Amino acid sequence: MRVASAVEDREYRPFAYIRDNYPQYLFTLDPLLQRRDGVRHLNLADFMADGGELLAP
């Protein structure tokens, strides 16, 4: 389980260096989605199947 935590930290770490107010998205193929430190985690396959719209109502 520690390996998964290290991978997760590696994926989210670069967002900590971005200091703007734009929405931040992490696209992966993982079915387990989450939000961490304001970064939305989205499944890429679902995103593309739904038309690729980030500003859905």
PDB file of N, CA and C in Angstrom:
ATOM      1  N   MET A   1       0.834  -1.199   0.000  1.00  0.00           N
ATOM      2  CA  MET A   1       0.000   0.000   0.000  1.00  0.00           C
ATOM      3  C   MET A   1       0.870   1.251   0.000  1.00  0.00           C
ATOM      4  N   ARG A   2       2.048   1.163   0.524  1.00  0.00           N
ATOM      5  CA  ARG A   2       2.950   2.320   0.566  1.00  0.00           C
ATOM      6  C   ARG A   2       3.355   2.781  -0.827  1.00  0.00           C
ATOM      7  N   VAL A   3       3.497   1.847  -1.770  1.00  0.00           N
ATOM      8  CA  VAL A   3       3.862   2.196  -3.144  1.00  0.00           C
ATOM      9  C   VAL A   3       2.764   3.057  -3.757  1.00  0.00           C
ATOM     10  N   ALA A   4       1.512   2.689  -3.540  1.00  0.00           N
ATOM     11  CA  ALA A   4       0.396   3.462  -4.083  1.00  0.00           C
ATOM     12  C   ALA A   4       0.401   4.877  -3.513  1.00  0.00           C
ATOM     13  N   SER A   5       0.711   5.016  -2.252  1.00  0.00           N
ATOM     14  CA  SER A   5       0.769   6.332  -1.626  1.00  0.00           C
ATOM     15  C   SER A   5       1.898   7.166  -2.227  1.00  0.00           C
ATOM     16  N   ALA A   6       3.024   6.551  -2.498  1.00  0.00           N
ATOM     17  CA  ALA A   6       4.151   7.269  -3.101  1.00  0.00           C
ATOM     18  C   ALA A   6       3.813   7.727  -4.512  1.00  0.00           C
ATOM     19  N   VAL A   7       3.116   6.898  -5.260  1.00  0.00           N
ATOM     20  CA  VAL A   7       2.714   7.269  -6.618  1.00  0.00           C
ATOM     21  C   VAL A   7       1.720   8.424  -6.567  1.00  0.00           C
ATOM     22  N   GLU A   8       0.774   8.337  -5.650  1.00  0.00           N
ATOM     23  CA  GLU A   8      -0.210   9.403  -5.501  1.00  0.00           C
ATOM     24  C   GLU A   8       0.473  10.724  -5.150  1.00  0.00           C
ATOM     25  N   ASP A   9       1.405  10.687  -4.222  1.00  0.00           N
ATOM     26  CA  ASP A   9       2.151  11.900  -3.855  1.00  0.00           C
ATOM     27  C   ASP A   9       2.903  12.458  -5.051  1.00  0.00           C
ATOM     28  N   ARG A  10       3.512  11.590  -5.844  1.00  0.00           N
ATOM     29  CA  ARG A  10       4.254  12.025  -7.035  1.00  0.00           C
ATOM     30  C   ARG A  10       3.341  12.713  -8.040  1.00  0.00           C
ATOM     31  N   GLU A  11       2.129  12.208  -8.203  1.00  0.00           N
ATOM     32  CA  GLU A  11       1.200  12.780  -9.173  1.00  0.00           C
ATOM     33  C   GLU A  11       0.661  14.142  -8.732  1.00  0.00           C
ATOM     34  N   TYR A  12       0.443  14.327  -7.451  1.00  0.00           N
ATOM     35  CA  TYR A  12      -0.143  15.572  -6.950  1.00  0.00           C
ATOM     36  C   TYR A  12       0.905  16.642  -6.622  1.00  0.00           C
ATOM     37  N   ARG A  13       2.136  16.264  -6.365  1.00  0.00           N
ATOM     38  CA  ARG A  13       3.173  17.207  -5.930  1.00  0.00           C
ATOM     39  C   ARG A  13       3.358  18.406  -6.862  1.00  0.00           C
ATOM     40  N   PRO A  14       3.399  18.254  -8.181  1.00  0.00           N
ATOM     41  CA  PRO A  14       3.621  19.416  -9.048  1.00  0.00           C
ATOM     42  C   PRO A  14       2.554  20.517  -8.908  1.00  0.00           C
ATOM     43  N   PHE A  15       1.348  20.141  -8.525  1.00  0.00           N
ATOM     44  CA  PHE A  15       0.296  21.136  -8.373  1.00  0.00           C
ATOM     45  C   PHE A  15       0.588  22.101  -7.226  1.00  0.00           C
ATOM     46  N   ALA A  16       1.354  21.686  -6.258  1.00  0.00           N
ATOM     47  CA  ALA A  16       1.689  22.552  -5.120  1.00  0.00           C
ATOM     48  C   ALA A  16       2.554  23.731  -5.548  1.00  0.00           C
ATOM     49  N   TYR A  17       3.242  23.614  -6.674  1.00  0.00           N
ATOM     50  CA  TYR A  17       4.117  24.681  -7.157  1.00  0.00           C
ATOM     51  C   TYR A  17       3.401  25.684  -8.044  1.00  0.00           C
ATOM     52  N   ILE A  18       2.179  25.403  -8.417  1.00  0.00           N
ATOM     53  CA  ILE A  18       1.412  26.301  -9.283  1.00  0.00           C
ATOM     54  C   ILE A  18       0.609  27.245  -8.400  1.00  0.00           C
ATOM     55  N   ARG A  19       0.891  28.519  -8.490  1.00  0.00           N
ATOM     56  CA  ARG A  19       0.262  29.505  -7.603  1.00  0.00           C
ATOM     57  C   ARG A  19      -0.704  30.427  -8.339  1.00  0.00           C
ATOM     58  N   ASP A  20      -1.506  29.901  -9.243  1.00  0.00           N
ATOM     59  CA  ASP A  20      -2.518  30.718  -9.893  1.00  0.00           C
ATOM     60  C   ASP A  20      -3.899  30.302  -9.382  1.00  0.00           C
ATOM     61  N   ASN A  21      -4.921  30.941  -9.861  1.00  0.00           N
ATOM     62  CA  ASN A  21      -6.272  30.641  -9.389  1.00  0.00           C
ATOM     63  C   ASN A  21      -7.080  29.838 -10.394  1.00  0.00           C
ATOM     64  N   TYR A  22      -6.411  29.246 -11.362  1.00  0.00           N
ATOM     65  CA  TYR A  22      -7.105  28.430 -12.340  1.00  0.00           C
ATOM     66  C   TYR A  22      -7.421  27.062 -11.749  1.00  0.00           C
ATOM     67  N   PRO A  23      -8.518  26.448 -12.191  1.00  0.00           N
ATOM     68  CA  PRO A  23      -8.829  25.094 -11.715  1.00  0.00           C
ATOM     69  C   PRO A  23      -7.716  24.130 -12.103  1.00  0.00           C
ATOM     70  N   GLN A  24      -7.462  23.159 -11.250  1.00  0.00           N
ATOM     71  CA  GLN A  24      -6.410  22.180 -11.497  1.00  0.00           C
ATOM     72  C   GLN A  24      -7.046  20.798 -11.603  1.00  0.00           C
ATOM     73  N   TYR A  25      -6.656  20.068 -12.643  1.00  0.00           N
ATOM     74  CA  TYR A  25      -7.221  18.760 -12.923  1.00  0.00           C
ATOM     75  C   TYR A  25      -6.108  17.741 -13.098  1.00  0.00           C
ATOM     76  N   LEU A  26      -6.328  16.547 -12.575  1.00  0.00           N
ATOM     77  CA  LEU A  26      -5.421  15.421 -12.765  1.00  0.00           C
ATOM     78  C   LEU A  26      -6.213  14.332 -13.475  1.00  0.00           C
ATOM     79  N   PHE A  27      -5.801  14.004 -14.689  1.00  0.00           N
ATOM     80  CA  PHE A  27      -6.466  12.967 -15.468  1.00  0.00           C
ATOM     81  C   PHE A  27      -5.679  11.665 -15.371  1.00  0.00           C
ATOM     82  N   THR A  28      -6.367  10.596 -14.987  1.00  0.00           N
ATOM     83  CA  THR A  28      -5.762   9.266 -14.930  1.00  0.00           C
ATOM     84  C   THR A  28      -6.780   8.254 -15.445  1.00  0.00           C
ATOM     85  N   LEU A  29      -6.389   7.014 -15.487  1.00  0.00           N
ATOM     86  CA  LEU A  29      -7.313   5.939 -15.860  1.00  0.00           C
ATOM     87  C   LEU A  29      -7.836   5.200 -14.633  1.00  0.00           C
ATOM     88  N   ASP A  30      -7.548   5.716 -13.446  1.00  0.00           N
ATOM     89  CA  ASP A  30      -8.017   5.097 -12.198  1.00  0.00           C
ATOM     90  C   ASP A  30      -9.527   5.261 -12.062  1.00  0.00           C
ATOM     91  N   PRO A  31     -10.216   4.200 -11.639  1.00  0.00           N
ATOM     92  CA  PRO A  31     -11.656   4.332 -11.404  1.00  0.00           C
ATOM     93  C   PRO A  31     -11.966   5.022 -10.068  1.00  0.00           C
ATOM     94  N   LEU A  32     -11.023   5.021  -9.135  1.00  0.00           N
ATOM     95  CA  LEU A  32     -11.227   5.645  -7.831  1.00  0.00           C
ATOM     96  C   LEU A  32     -10.844   7.114  -7.918  1.00  0.00           C
ATOM     97  N   LEU A  33     -11.834   7.982  -7.874  1.00  0.00           N
ATOM     98  CA  LEU A  33     -11.592   9.409  -8.029  1.00  0.00           C
ATOM     99  C   LEU A  33     -11.618  10.102  -6.685  1.00  0.00           C
ATOM    100  N   GLN A  34     -10.879  11.186  -6.583  1.00  0.00           N
ATOM    101  CA  GLN A  34     -10.818  11.933  -5.338  1.00  0.00           C
ATOM    102  C   GLN A  34     -10.485  13.390  -5.624  1.00  0.00           C
ATOM    103  N   ARG A  35     -10.495  14.177  -4.607  1.00  0.00           N
ATOM    104  CA  ARG A  35     -10.073  15.569  -4.683  1.00  0.00           C
ATOM    105  C   ARG A  35      -9.055  15.759  -3.565  1.00  0.00           C
ATOM    106  N   ARG A  36      -7.949  16.395  -3.905  1.00  0.00           N
ATOM    107  CA  ARG A  36      -6.887  16.570  -2.917  1.00  0.00           C
ATOM    108  C   ARG A  36      -6.274  17.945  -3.103  1.00  0.00           C
ATOM    109  N   ASP A  37      -6.246  18.728  -2.054  1.00  0.00           N
ATOM    110  CA  ASP A  37      -5.664  20.075  -2.076  1.00  0.00           C
ATOM    111  C   ASP A  37      -6.223  20.918  -3.206  1.00  0.00           C
ATOM    112  N   GLY A  38      -7.509  20.766  -3.501  1.00  0.00           N
ATOM    113  CA  GLY A  38      -8.154  21.563  -4.532  1.00  0.00           C
ATOM    114  C   GLY A  38      -7.968  21.049  -5.950  1.00  0.00           C
ATOM    115  N   VAL A  39      -7.261  19.948  -6.131  1.00  0.00           N
ATOM    116  CA  VAL A  39      -7.046  19.367  -7.448  1.00  0.00           C
ATOM    117  C   VAL A  39      -8.125  18.315  -7.694  1.00  0.00           C
ATOM    118  N   ARG A  40      -8.866  18.477  -8.788  1.00  0.00           N
ATOM    119  CA  ARG A  40      -9.892  17.492  -9.127  1.00  0.00           C
ATOM    120  C   ARG A  40      -9.264  16.352  -9.903  1.00  0.00           C
ATOM    121  N   HIS A  41      -9.525  15.143  -9.476  1.00  0.00           N
ATOM    122  CA  HIS A  41      -9.027  13.932 -10.120  1.00  0.00           C
ATOM    123  C   HIS A  41     -10.141  13.394 -10.999  1.00  0.00           C
ATOM    124  N   LEU A  42      -9.887  13.298 -12.309  1.00  0.00           N
ATOM    125  CA  LEU A  42     -10.893  12.841 -13.253  1.00  0.00           C
ATOM    126  C   LEU A  42     -10.395  11.612 -14.001  1.00  0.00           C
ATOM    127  N   ASN A  43     -11.323  10.715 -14.315  1.00  0.00           N
ATOM    128  CA  ASN A  43     -11.003   9.556 -15.117  1.00  0.00           C
ATOM    129  C   ASN A  43     -11.010   9.983 -16.583  1.00  0.00           C
ATOM    130  N   LEU A  44      -9.913   9.788 -17.286  1.00  0.00           N
ATOM    131  CA  LEU A  44      -9.768  10.258 -18.656  1.00  0.00           C
ATOM    132  C   LEU A  44     -10.763   9.590 -19.604  1.00  0.00           C
ATOM    133  N   ALA A  45     -10.972   8.290 -19.466  1.00  0.00           N
ATOM    134  CA  ALA A  45     -11.907   7.583 -20.344  1.00  0.00           C
ATOM    135  C   ALA A  45     -13.326   8.119 -20.172  1.00  0.00           C
ATOM    136  N   ASP A  46     -13.751   8.332 -18.928  1.00  0.00           N
ATOM    137  CA  ASP A  46     -15.085   8.885 -18.675  1.00  0.00           C
ATOM    138  C   ASP A  46     -15.192  10.309 -19.206  1.00  0.00           C
ATOM    139  N   PHE A  47     -14.149  11.072 -19.019  1.00  0.00           N
ATOM    140  CA  PHE A  47     -14.125  12.456 -19.484  1.00  0.00           C
ATOM    141  C   PHE A  47     -14.319  12.520 -20.998  1.00  0.00           C
ATOM    142  N   MET A  48     -13.590  11.684 -21.728  1.00  0.00           N
ATOM    143  CA  MET A  48     -13.701  11.684 -23.188  1.00  0.00           C
ATOM    144  C   MET A  48     -15.058  11.142 -23.638  1.00  0.00           C
ATOM    145  N   ALA A  49     -15.577  10.121 -22.961  1.00  0.00           N
ATOM    146  CA  ALA A  49     -16.875   9.545 -23.316  1.00  0.00           C
ATOM    147  C   ALA A  49     -18.005  10.538 -23.100  1.00  0.00           C
ATOM    148  N   ASP A  50     -17.839  11.429 -22.124  1.00  0.00           N
ATOM    149  CA  ASP A  50     -18.871  12.420 -21.817  1.00  0.00           C
ATOM    150  C   ASP A  50     -18.747  13.683 -22.672  1.00  0.00           C
ATOM    151  N   GLY A  51     -17.819  13.689 -23.598  1.00  0.00           N
ATOM    152  CA  GLY A  51     -17.682  14.836 -24.494  1.00  0.00           C
ATOM    153  C   GLY A  51     -16.566  15.777 -24.128  1.00  0.00           C
ATOM    154  N   GLY A  52     -15.844  15.522 -23.070  1.00  0.00           N
ATOM    155  CA  GLY A  52     -14.687  16.331 -22.714  1.00  0.00           C
ATOM    156  C   GLY A  52     -15.014  17.722 -22.225  1.00  0.00           C
ATOM    157  N   GLU A  53     -16.098  17.881 -21.507  1.00  0.00           N
ATOM    158  CA  GLU A  53     -16.509  19.202 -21.000  1.00  0.00           C
ATOM    159  C   GLU A  53     -16.151  19.329 -19.522  1.00  0.00           C
ATOM    160  N   LEU A  54     -15.312  20.324 -19.203  1.00  0.00           N
ATOM    161  CA  LEU A  54     -14.926  20.549 -17.810  1.00  0.00           C
ATOM    162  C   LEU A  54     -15.919  21.409 -17.048  1.00  0.00           C
ATOM    163  N   LEU A  55     -16.683  22.194 -17.752  1.00  0.00           N
ATOM    164  CA  LEU A  55     -17.602  23.127 -17.105  1.00  0.00           C
ATOM    165  C   LEU A  55     -19.034  22.601 -17.144  1.00  0.00           C
ATOM    166  N   ALA A  56     -19.204  21.344 -16.800  1.00  0.00           N
ATOM    167  CA  ALA A  56     -20.537  20.736 -16.794  1.00  0.00           C
ATOM    168  C   ALA A  56     -21.384  21.339 -15.682  1.00  0.00           C
ATOM    169  N   PRO A  57     -22.681  21.489 -15.919  1.00  0.00           N
ATOM    170  CA  PRO A  57     -23.559  22.080 -14.888  1.00  0.00           C
ATOM    171  C   PRO A  57     -23.684  21.225 -13.658  1.00  0.00           C
TER     172      PRO A  57
END
